[in-house]
């Protein structure tokens, strides 16, 4: 029995092995140099024309019905990778938002404690030091509050993901 990939390769010109797949002339456009990449992954056929031909046109030119379960295109594969990446970013954002919330609670407790000590024992403490601690807590609170809001914003979430090492440093910092 002829495999799916072999049946497809038989219909193409200038087929050549290339890495984990093959290259060939694209059947959709006049192709002097092979611009079609073909491979098989997990039992699925992947095609991609580097000249920009649509995968549907490629399958039509090859006489292949697109609704076959063994066909996956490079576009499909790309969409799957994008979905996976989006899920990874979403999970990271959710976990980071929880850590931001916990950190904000700690900062709030620190600030309330400093304010209480300053109010109850003003003669027994270093007022300047406690005032500075309160100022730092407020600044950290504003920073984390903004970060938490940005983690809810889809556009900002992607930018935060790109800078996640810096974000982790902010979230993991303890005053």
N, C-alpha and C. Protein backbone atom coordinates (compact mmCIF):
# COMPACT_ATOMS: atom_id res chain seq x y z
N UNK A 1 0.84 -1.19 0.00
CA UNK A 1 0.00 0.00 0.00
C UNK A 1 0.88 1.26 0.00
N UNK A 2 0.54 2.22 -0.81
CA UNK A 2 1.31 3.46 -0.94
C UNK A 2 0.89 4.40 0.18
N UNK A 3 1.87 5.00 0.85
CA UNK A 3 1.55 5.94 1.92
C UNK A 3 0.99 7.24 1.33
N UNK A 4 0.33 8.00 2.16
CA UNK A 4 -0.25 9.27 1.74
C UNK A 4 0.84 10.19 1.20
N UNK A 5 1.93 10.28 1.91
CA UNK A 5 2.99 11.19 1.49
C UNK A 5 3.59 10.75 0.15
N UNK A 6 3.75 9.45 -0.03
CA UNK A 6 4.28 8.96 -1.30
C UNK A 6 3.32 9.27 -2.45
N UNK A 7 2.02 9.11 -2.20
CA UNK A 7 1.03 9.41 -3.23
C UNK A 7 1.08 10.89 -3.62
N UNK A 8 1.28 11.76 -2.66
CA UNK A 8 1.36 13.20 -2.93
C UNK A 8 2.65 13.52 -3.67
N UNK A 9 3.76 12.95 -3.22
CA UNK A 9 5.05 13.23 -3.85
C UNK A 9 5.08 12.78 -5.30
N UNK A 10 4.36 11.70 -5.62
CA UNK A 10 4.30 11.22 -7.00
C UNK A 10 3.66 12.24 -7.94
N UNK A 11 2.83 13.12 -7.41
CA UNK A 11 2.12 14.10 -8.23
C UNK A 11 2.92 15.39 -8.42
N UNK A 12 4.09 15.48 -7.81
CA UNK A 12 4.88 16.71 -7.85
C UNK A 12 6.13 16.55 -8.70
N UNK A 13 6.67 17.68 -9.16
CA UNK A 13 7.90 17.70 -9.95
C UNK A 13 9.07 18.19 -9.10
N UNK A 14 10.25 17.74 -9.50
CA UNK A 14 11.51 18.14 -8.85
C UNK A 14 11.48 17.92 -7.34
N UNK A 15 10.98 16.76 -6.93
CA UNK A 15 10.91 16.41 -5.51
C UNK A 15 12.31 16.09 -5.02
N UNK A 16 12.63 16.66 -3.86
CA UNK A 16 13.95 16.45 -3.28
C UNK A 16 13.80 16.39 -1.76
N UNK A 17 14.51 15.46 -1.15
CA UNK A 17 14.51 15.32 0.30
C UNK A 17 15.19 16.55 0.90
N UNK A 18 14.60 17.09 1.96
CA UNK A 18 15.15 18.29 2.58
C UNK A 18 14.83 18.25 4.07
N UNK A 19 15.82 17.99 4.90
CA UNK A 19 15.59 17.92 6.35
C UNK A 19 14.63 16.80 6.69
N UNK A 20 13.56 17.14 7.40
CA UNK A 20 12.55 16.16 7.81
C UNK A 20 11.43 16.02 6.79
N UNK A 21 11.57 16.64 5.63
CA UNK A 21 10.50 16.59 4.65
C UNK A 21 11.06 16.62 3.24
N UNK A 22 10.32 17.28 2.35
CA UNK A 22 10.70 17.35 0.95
C UNK A 22 10.43 18.76 0.43
N UNK A 23 11.06 19.09 -0.67
CA UNK A 23 10.73 20.29 -1.42
C UNK A 23 10.34 19.83 -2.81
N UNK A 24 9.53 20.64 -3.47
CA UNK A 24 9.10 20.33 -4.83
C UNK A 24 8.60 21.61 -5.47
N UNK A 25 8.38 21.52 -6.78
CA UNK A 25 7.76 22.64 -7.47
C UNK A 25 6.31 22.73 -7.02
N UNK A 26 5.86 23.93 -6.78
CA UNK A 26 4.47 24.15 -6.39
C UNK A 26 3.58 23.94 -7.61
N UNK A 27 2.51 23.15 -7.49
CA UNK A 27 1.64 22.90 -8.63
C UNK A 27 0.69 24.06 -8.95
N UNK A 28 0.69 25.11 -8.12
CA UNK A 28 -0.25 26.21 -8.30
C UNK A 28 0.34 27.31 -9.19
N UNK A 29 1.60 27.59 -9.05
CA UNK A 29 2.19 28.67 -9.85
C UNK A 29 3.38 28.13 -10.65
N UNK A 30 3.82 28.92 -11.61
CA UNK A 30 5.00 28.51 -12.38
C UNK A 30 6.21 28.63 -11.47
N UNK A 31 6.77 27.50 -11.19
CA UNK A 31 7.82 27.40 -10.19
C UNK A 31 9.10 26.90 -10.86
N UNK A 32 10.07 27.76 -11.03
CA UNK A 32 11.34 27.33 -11.62
C UNK A 32 12.19 26.65 -10.57
N UNK A 33 12.21 27.21 -9.38
CA UNK A 33 12.93 26.61 -8.26
C UNK A 33 11.89 26.12 -7.25
N UNK A 34 12.06 24.91 -6.74
CA UNK A 34 11.06 24.37 -5.81
C UNK A 34 10.80 25.31 -4.63
N UNK A 35 9.54 25.65 -4.44
CA UNK A 35 9.17 26.53 -3.33
C UNK A 35 8.15 25.89 -2.41
N UNK A 36 7.78 24.65 -2.71
CA UNK A 36 6.79 23.96 -1.89
C UNK A 36 7.50 23.04 -0.90
N UNK A 37 7.17 23.20 0.37
CA UNK A 37 7.69 22.31 1.41
C UNK A 37 6.58 21.34 1.78
N UNK A 38 6.93 20.08 1.92
CA UNK A 38 5.98 19.04 2.26
C UNK A 38 6.59 18.20 3.37
N UNK A 39 5.80 17.90 4.38
CA UNK A 39 6.29 16.98 5.41
C UNK A 39 5.10 16.27 6.04
N UNK A 40 5.43 15.27 6.80
CA UNK A 40 4.41 14.50 7.50
C UNK A 40 4.78 14.49 8.97
N UNK A 41 3.85 14.89 9.80
CA UNK A 41 4.07 14.89 11.25
C UNK A 41 2.85 14.30 11.92
N UNK A 42 3.08 13.37 12.80
CA UNK A 42 2.00 12.72 13.54
C UNK A 42 0.91 12.22 12.60
N UNK A 43 1.31 11.70 11.46
CA UNK A 43 0.36 11.17 10.51
C UNK A 43 -0.41 12.22 9.74
N UNK A 44 0.00 13.46 9.84
CA UNK A 44 -0.68 14.56 9.14
C UNK A 44 0.23 15.12 8.06
N UNK A 45 -0.37 15.46 6.93
CA UNK A 45 0.36 16.04 5.81
C UNK A 45 0.42 17.55 5.97
N UNK A 46 1.62 18.10 5.92
CA UNK A 46 1.81 19.55 6.03
C UNK A 46 2.37 20.07 4.72
N UNK A 47 1.78 21.13 4.19
CA UNK A 47 2.28 21.76 2.97
C UNK A 47 2.41 23.26 3.20
N UNK A 48 3.44 23.84 2.56
CA UNK A 48 3.62 25.29 2.66
C UNK A 48 4.35 25.77 1.41
N UNK A 49 3.74 26.70 0.70
CA UNK A 49 4.39 27.30 -0.47
C UNK A 49 5.06 28.58 -0.02
N UNK A 50 6.37 28.65 -0.21
CA UNK A 50 7.13 29.83 0.21
C UNK A 50 6.91 31.02 -0.72
N UNK A 51 6.21 30.78 -1.84
CA UNK A 51 5.86 31.89 -2.73
C UNK A 51 4.51 32.48 -2.34
N UNK A 52 3.84 31.84 -1.39
CA UNK A 52 2.59 32.40 -0.86
C UNK A 52 1.31 31.76 -1.36
N UNK A 53 1.37 30.68 -2.09
CA UNK A 53 0.15 30.03 -2.58
C UNK A 53 -0.64 29.48 -1.40
N UNK A 54 -1.94 29.58 -1.49
CA UNK A 54 -2.83 29.10 -0.44
C UNK A 54 -2.84 27.57 -0.43
N UNK A 55 -2.85 26.99 0.75
CA UNK A 55 -2.84 25.53 0.86
C UNK A 55 -4.05 24.90 0.18
N UNK A 56 -5.19 25.58 0.19
CA UNK A 56 -6.39 25.03 -0.46
C UNK A 56 -6.17 24.88 -1.96
N UNK A 57 -5.49 25.86 -2.55
CA UNK A 57 -5.19 25.79 -3.97
C UNK A 57 -4.20 24.66 -4.27
N UNK A 58 -3.27 24.45 -3.36
CA UNK A 58 -2.29 23.37 -3.54
C UNK A 58 -3.01 22.02 -3.52
N UNK A 59 -3.89 21.82 -2.54
CA UNK A 59 -4.62 20.56 -2.46
C UNK A 59 -5.52 20.36 -3.68
N UNK A 60 -6.16 21.43 -4.13
CA UNK A 60 -7.00 21.34 -5.32
C UNK A 60 -6.17 20.93 -6.54
N UNK A 61 -5.01 21.56 -6.70
CA UNK A 61 -4.13 21.24 -7.83
C UNK A 61 -3.65 19.79 -7.77
N UNK A 62 -3.51 19.26 -6.57
CA UNK A 62 -3.07 17.87 -6.41
C UNK A 62 -4.23 16.89 -6.46
N UNK A 63 -5.45 17.41 -6.50
CA UNK A 63 -6.63 16.55 -6.53
C UNK A 63 -6.91 15.89 -5.19
N UNK A 64 -6.61 16.60 -4.12
CA UNK A 64 -6.80 16.05 -2.78
C UNK A 64 -7.93 16.81 -2.10
N UNK A 65 -8.88 16.06 -1.53
CA UNK A 65 -9.97 16.69 -0.78
C UNK A 65 -9.40 17.20 0.54
N UNK A 66 -9.73 18.44 0.87
CA UNK A 66 -9.17 19.06 2.07
C UNK A 66 -9.77 18.52 3.36
N UNK A 67 -10.89 17.81 3.27
CA UNK A 67 -11.54 17.36 4.49
C UNK A 67 -11.02 16.01 4.97
N UNK A 68 -9.95 15.52 4.37
CA UNK A 68 -9.36 14.27 4.83
C UNK A 68 -8.74 14.48 6.20
N UNK A 69 -8.92 13.52 7.11
CA UNK A 69 -8.40 13.70 8.47
C UNK A 69 -6.88 13.72 8.54
N UNK A 70 -6.17 13.24 7.52
CA UNK A 70 -4.71 13.18 7.57
C UNK A 70 -4.05 14.43 7.04
N UNK A 71 -4.86 15.44 6.66
CA UNK A 71 -4.28 16.66 6.10
C UNK A 71 -4.22 17.75 7.17
N UNK A 72 -3.04 18.26 7.35
CA UNK A 72 -2.85 19.46 8.15
C UNK A 72 -1.95 20.36 7.34
N UNK A 73 -2.24 21.58 7.34
CA UNK A 73 -1.41 22.51 6.58
C UNK A 73 -0.45 23.22 7.51
N UNK A 74 0.52 23.89 6.93
CA UNK A 74 1.43 24.69 7.75
C UNK A 74 0.65 25.77 8.50
N UNK A 75 -0.39 26.30 7.86
CA UNK A 75 -1.22 27.31 8.53
C UNK A 75 -1.91 26.72 9.75
N UNK A 76 -2.42 25.49 9.59
CA UNK A 76 -3.08 24.82 10.71
C UNK A 76 -2.07 24.61 11.84
N UNK A 77 -0.90 24.12 11.47
CA UNK A 77 0.15 23.88 12.44
C UNK A 77 0.51 25.19 13.16
N UNK A 78 0.60 26.27 12.41
CA UNK A 78 0.93 27.57 12.99
C UNK A 78 -0.16 28.01 13.97
N UNK A 79 -1.42 27.82 13.58
CA UNK A 79 -2.53 28.18 14.47
C UNK A 79 -2.48 27.37 15.77
N UNK A 80 -2.12 26.08 15.65
CA UNK A 80 -2.02 25.24 16.83
C UNK A 80 -0.92 25.75 17.76
N UNK A 81 0.22 26.14 17.18
CA UNK A 81 1.33 26.67 17.99
C UNK A 81 0.92 27.98 18.64
N UNK A 82 0.19 28.81 17.91
CA UNK A 82 -0.26 30.10 18.46
C UNK A 82 -1.22 29.86 19.61
N UNK A 83 -2.15 28.92 19.44
CA UNK A 83 -3.09 28.60 20.53
C UNK A 83 -2.35 28.13 21.77
N UNK A 84 -1.37 27.27 21.56
CA UNK A 84 -0.59 26.75 22.69
C UNK A 84 0.17 27.89 23.38
N UNK A 85 0.79 28.76 22.58
CA UNK A 85 1.52 29.90 23.14
C UNK A 85 0.58 30.82 23.90
N UNK A 86 -0.61 31.07 23.34
CA UNK A 86 -1.57 31.93 24.02
C UNK A 86 -1.98 31.33 25.36
N UNK A 87 -2.15 30.00 25.40
CA UNK A 87 -2.53 29.34 26.65
C UNK A 87 -1.40 29.43 27.68
N UNK A 88 -0.17 29.28 27.23
CA UNK A 88 0.98 29.40 28.14
C UNK A 88 1.03 30.82 28.72
N UNK A 89 0.84 31.82 27.87
CA UNK A 89 0.87 33.21 28.33
C UNK A 89 -0.27 33.47 29.29
N UNK A 90 -1.46 32.95 28.97
CA UNK A 90 -2.63 33.15 29.84
C UNK A 90 -2.39 32.52 31.21
N UNK A 91 -1.86 31.30 31.24
CA UNK A 91 -1.57 30.64 32.52
C UNK A 91 -0.54 31.43 33.32
N UNK A 92 0.51 31.89 32.63
CA UNK A 92 1.53 32.70 33.32
C UNK A 92 0.90 33.97 33.90
N UNK A 93 0.05 34.63 33.11
CA UNK A 93 -0.57 35.88 33.56
C UNK A 93 -1.45 35.64 34.78
N UNK A 94 -2.21 34.54 34.77
CA UNK A 94 -3.07 34.23 35.92
C UNK A 94 -2.25 33.96 37.18
N UNK A 95 -1.20 33.15 37.03
CA UNK A 95 -0.35 32.85 38.18
C UNK A 95 0.36 34.10 38.69
N UNK A 96 0.82 34.92 37.77
CA UNK A 96 1.51 36.15 38.16
C UNK A 96 0.54 37.10 38.84
N UNK A 97 -0.69 37.20 38.34
CA UNK A 97 -1.70 38.07 38.96
C UNK A 97 -2.00 37.62 40.39
N UNK A 98 -2.03 36.32 40.62
CA UNK A 98 -2.26 35.82 41.99
C UNK A 98 -1.09 36.21 42.90
N UNK A 99 0.13 36.08 42.39
CA UNK A 99 1.30 36.45 43.18
C UNK A 99 1.34 37.96 43.44
N UNK A 100 0.91 38.74 42.45
CA UNK A 100 0.84 40.20 42.62
C UNK A 100 -0.15 40.52 43.74
N UNK A 101 -1.29 39.86 43.73
CA UNK A 101 -2.30 40.09 44.76
C UNK A 101 -1.77 39.77 46.16
N UNK A 102 -1.08 38.63 46.28
CA UNK A 102 -0.50 38.26 47.57
C UNK A 102 0.56 39.26 48.02
N UNK A 103 1.38 39.69 47.09
CA UNK A 103 2.42 40.67 47.41
C UNK A 103 1.78 41.99 47.86
N UNK A 104 0.69 42.38 47.20
CA UNK A 104 0.00 43.61 47.60
C UNK A 104 -0.56 43.49 49.02
N UNK A 105 -1.05 42.32 49.37
CA UNK A 105 -1.54 42.11 50.74
C UNK A 105 -0.41 42.28 51.75
N UNK A 106 0.75 41.71 51.43
CA UNK A 106 1.91 41.85 52.32
C UNK A 106 2.32 43.31 52.46
N UNK A 107 2.32 44.03 51.35
CA UNK A 107 2.70 45.45 51.38
C UNK A 107 1.69 46.24 52.20
N UNK A 108 0.41 45.92 52.02
CA UNK A 108 -0.62 46.60 52.79
C UNK A 108 -0.44 46.38 54.29
N UNK A 109 -0.10 45.16 54.67
CA UNK A 109 0.14 44.85 56.08
C UNK A 109 1.36 45.61 56.61
N UNK A 110 2.43 45.65 55.81
CA UNK A 110 3.63 46.40 56.21
C UNK A 110 3.33 47.88 56.42
N UNK A 111 2.57 48.43 55.47
CA UNK A 111 2.24 49.86 55.55
C UNK A 111 1.36 50.14 56.77
N UNK A 112 0.33 49.31 56.99
CA UNK A 112 -0.55 49.52 58.15
C UNK A 112 0.23 49.40 59.46
N UNK A 113 1.14 48.44 59.52
CA UNK A 113 1.94 48.27 60.73
C UNK A 113 2.82 49.49 60.98
N UNK A 114 3.48 49.97 59.92
CA UNK A 114 4.34 51.15 60.06
C UNK A 114 3.51 52.37 60.49
N UNK A 115 2.33 52.54 59.90
CA UNK A 115 1.46 53.67 60.26
C UNK A 115 0.99 53.56 61.72
N UNK A 116 0.66 52.34 62.13
CA UNK A 116 0.20 52.12 63.51
C UNK A 116 1.32 52.41 64.51
N UNK A 117 2.52 51.92 64.23
CA UNK A 117 3.66 52.15 65.12
C UNK A 117 3.95 53.64 65.19
N UNK A 118 3.92 54.31 64.07
CA UNK A 118 4.18 55.74 64.00
C UNK A 118 3.14 56.53 64.80
N UNK A 119 1.90 56.08 64.73
CA UNK A 119 0.82 56.79 65.43
C UNK A 119 0.83 56.49 66.93
N UNK A 120 1.07 55.22 67.30
CA UNK A 120 0.99 54.81 68.70
C UNK A 120 2.24 55.16 69.51
N UNK A 121 3.42 55.11 68.86
CA UNK A 121 4.67 55.29 69.58
C UNK A 121 5.57 56.32 68.91
N UNK A 122 5.10 57.50 68.64
CA UNK A 122 5.91 58.46 67.89
C UNK A 122 7.22 58.86 68.61
N UNK A 123 7.23 58.83 69.91
CA UNK A 123 8.42 59.25 70.64
C UNK A 123 9.47 58.14 70.72
N UNK A 124 9.03 56.88 70.52
CA UNK A 124 9.93 55.74 70.71
C UNK A 124 10.53 55.19 69.41
N UNK A 125 10.17 55.77 68.26
CA UNK A 125 10.63 55.21 66.98
C UNK A 125 11.33 56.27 66.15
N UNK A 126 12.03 55.78 65.15
CA UNK A 126 12.67 56.67 64.19
C UNK A 126 11.60 57.09 63.18
N UNK A 127 11.06 58.27 63.36
CA UNK A 127 9.96 58.77 62.53
C UNK A 127 10.38 58.84 61.07
N UNK A 128 11.58 59.28 60.83
CA UNK A 128 12.05 59.41 59.45
C UNK A 128 12.09 58.04 58.76
N UNK A 129 12.57 57.02 59.47
CA UNK A 129 12.65 55.67 58.92
C UNK A 129 11.27 55.11 58.63
N UNK A 130 10.33 55.26 59.54
CA UNK A 130 8.97 54.75 59.33
C UNK A 130 8.24 55.52 58.23
N UNK A 131 8.48 56.80 58.15
CA UNK A 131 7.87 57.60 57.08
C UNK A 131 8.39 57.13 55.72
N UNK A 132 9.68 56.83 55.67
CA UNK A 132 10.27 56.30 54.42
C UNK A 132 9.68 54.93 54.09
N UNK A 133 9.49 54.08 55.09
CA UNK A 133 8.88 52.76 54.87
C UNK A 133 7.47 52.90 54.31
N UNK A 134 6.70 53.81 54.83
CA UNK A 134 5.33 54.05 54.34
C UNK A 134 5.38 54.54 52.89
N UNK A 135 6.29 55.43 52.59
CA UNK A 135 6.42 55.94 51.23
C UNK A 135 6.79 54.81 50.26
N UNK A 136 7.71 53.95 50.67
CA UNK A 136 8.13 52.82 49.83
C UNK A 136 6.95 51.87 49.60
N UNK A 137 6.20 51.61 50.65
CA UNK A 137 5.03 50.73 50.53
C UNK A 137 4.02 51.30 49.54
N UNK A 138 3.77 52.58 49.63
CA UNK A 138 2.82 53.21 48.69
C UNK A 138 3.32 53.11 47.25
N UNK A 139 4.61 53.34 47.05
CA UNK A 139 5.18 53.25 45.70
C UNK A 139 5.10 51.82 45.16
N UNK A 140 5.44 50.84 46.00
CA UNK A 140 5.34 49.44 45.58
C UNK A 140 3.89 49.06 45.28
N UNK A 141 2.97 49.56 46.10
CA UNK A 141 1.55 49.27 45.90
C UNK A 141 1.09 49.77 44.53
N UNK A 142 1.45 51.00 44.20
CA UNK A 142 1.05 51.59 42.91
C UNK A 142 1.65 50.78 41.76
N UNK A 143 2.91 50.41 41.88
CA UNK A 143 3.57 49.62 40.85
C UNK A 143 2.86 48.27 40.65
N UNK A 144 2.59 47.58 41.73
CA UNK A 144 1.93 46.27 41.64
C UNK A 144 0.48 46.39 41.19
N UNK A 145 -0.18 47.45 41.60
CA UNK A 145 -1.57 47.66 41.17
C UNK A 145 -1.61 47.86 39.64
N UNK A 146 -0.68 48.64 39.13
CA UNK A 146 -0.59 48.86 37.68
C UNK A 146 -0.26 47.55 36.97
N UNK A 147 0.67 46.79 37.51
CA UNK A 147 1.03 45.50 36.93
C UNK A 147 -0.17 44.56 36.92
N UNK A 148 -0.92 44.52 38.00
CA UNK A 148 -2.12 43.68 38.07
C UNK A 148 -3.14 44.08 37.01
N UNK A 149 -3.33 45.38 36.83
CA UNK A 149 -4.26 45.86 35.79
C UNK A 149 -3.76 45.47 34.40
N UNK A 150 -2.46 45.61 34.17
CA UNK A 150 -1.89 45.26 32.87
C UNK A 150 -2.01 43.77 32.58
N UNK A 151 -1.94 42.94 33.62
CA UNK A 151 -2.08 41.49 33.42
C UNK A 151 -3.49 41.11 32.97
N UNK A 152 -4.44 42.01 33.16
CA UNK A 152 -5.81 41.78 32.70
C UNK A 152 -6.03 42.28 31.28
N UNK A 153 -5.12 43.10 30.77
CA UNK A 153 -5.24 43.69 29.44
C UNK A 153 -4.52 42.79 28.42
N UNK A 154 -5.26 42.24 27.43
CA UNK A 154 -4.64 41.31 26.49
C UNK A 154 -3.41 41.87 25.76
N UNK A 155 -3.47 43.11 25.32
CA UNK A 155 -2.33 43.69 24.60
C UNK A 155 -1.13 43.86 25.54
N UNK A 156 -1.38 44.35 26.73
CA UNK A 156 -0.30 44.55 27.69
C UNK A 156 0.25 43.21 28.18
N UNK A 157 -0.61 42.21 28.26
CA UNK A 157 -0.20 40.89 28.73
C UNK A 157 0.92 40.32 27.85
N UNK A 158 0.79 40.47 26.56
CA UNK A 158 1.80 39.97 25.64
C UNK A 158 3.13 40.70 25.84
N UNK A 159 3.07 42.01 26.01
CA UNK A 159 4.30 42.78 26.24
C UNK A 159 4.93 42.39 27.58
N UNK A 160 4.10 42.14 28.60
CA UNK A 160 4.63 41.71 29.89
C UNK A 160 5.29 40.34 29.76
N UNK A 161 4.68 39.46 28.96
CA UNK A 161 5.26 38.13 28.74
C UNK A 161 6.66 38.26 28.14
N UNK A 162 6.80 39.18 27.20
CA UNK A 162 8.11 39.38 26.56
C UNK A 162 9.14 39.86 27.58
N UNK A 163 8.67 40.54 28.61
CA UNK A 163 9.56 41.08 29.65
C UNK A 163 9.39 40.32 30.96
N UNK A 164 8.98 39.06 30.87
CA UNK A 164 8.60 38.31 32.07
C UNK A 164 9.70 38.19 33.11
N UNK A 165 10.96 38.20 32.69
CA UNK A 165 12.03 38.09 33.68
C UNK A 165 12.07 39.34 34.57
N UNK A 166 11.86 40.49 33.97
CA UNK A 166 11.80 41.73 34.75
C UNK A 166 10.55 41.73 35.63
N UNK A 167 9.43 41.26 35.07
CA UNK A 167 8.18 41.20 35.83
C UNK A 167 8.36 40.27 37.02
N UNK A 168 8.99 39.13 36.81
CA UNK A 168 9.22 38.20 37.91
C UNK A 168 10.06 38.85 39.01
N UNK A 169 11.04 39.65 38.60
CA UNK A 169 11.87 40.35 39.58
C UNK A 169 11.05 41.29 40.44
N UNK A 170 10.10 41.99 39.81
CA UNK A 170 9.24 42.92 40.55
C UNK A 170 8.32 42.15 41.49
N UNK A 171 7.71 41.10 40.98
CA UNK A 171 6.73 40.33 41.77
C UNK A 171 7.42 39.59 42.92
N UNK A 172 8.63 39.13 42.69
CA UNK A 172 9.33 38.36 43.72
C UNK A 172 10.08 39.23 44.72
N UNK A 173 10.18 40.53 44.44
CA UNK A 173 10.90 41.43 45.35
C UNK A 173 10.17 41.54 46.67
N UNK A 174 10.91 41.55 47.70
CA UNK A 174 10.33 41.71 49.05
C UNK A 174 11.03 42.89 49.69
N UNK A 175 10.22 43.84 50.13
CA UNK A 175 10.79 45.05 50.73
C UNK A 175 11.31 44.85 52.11
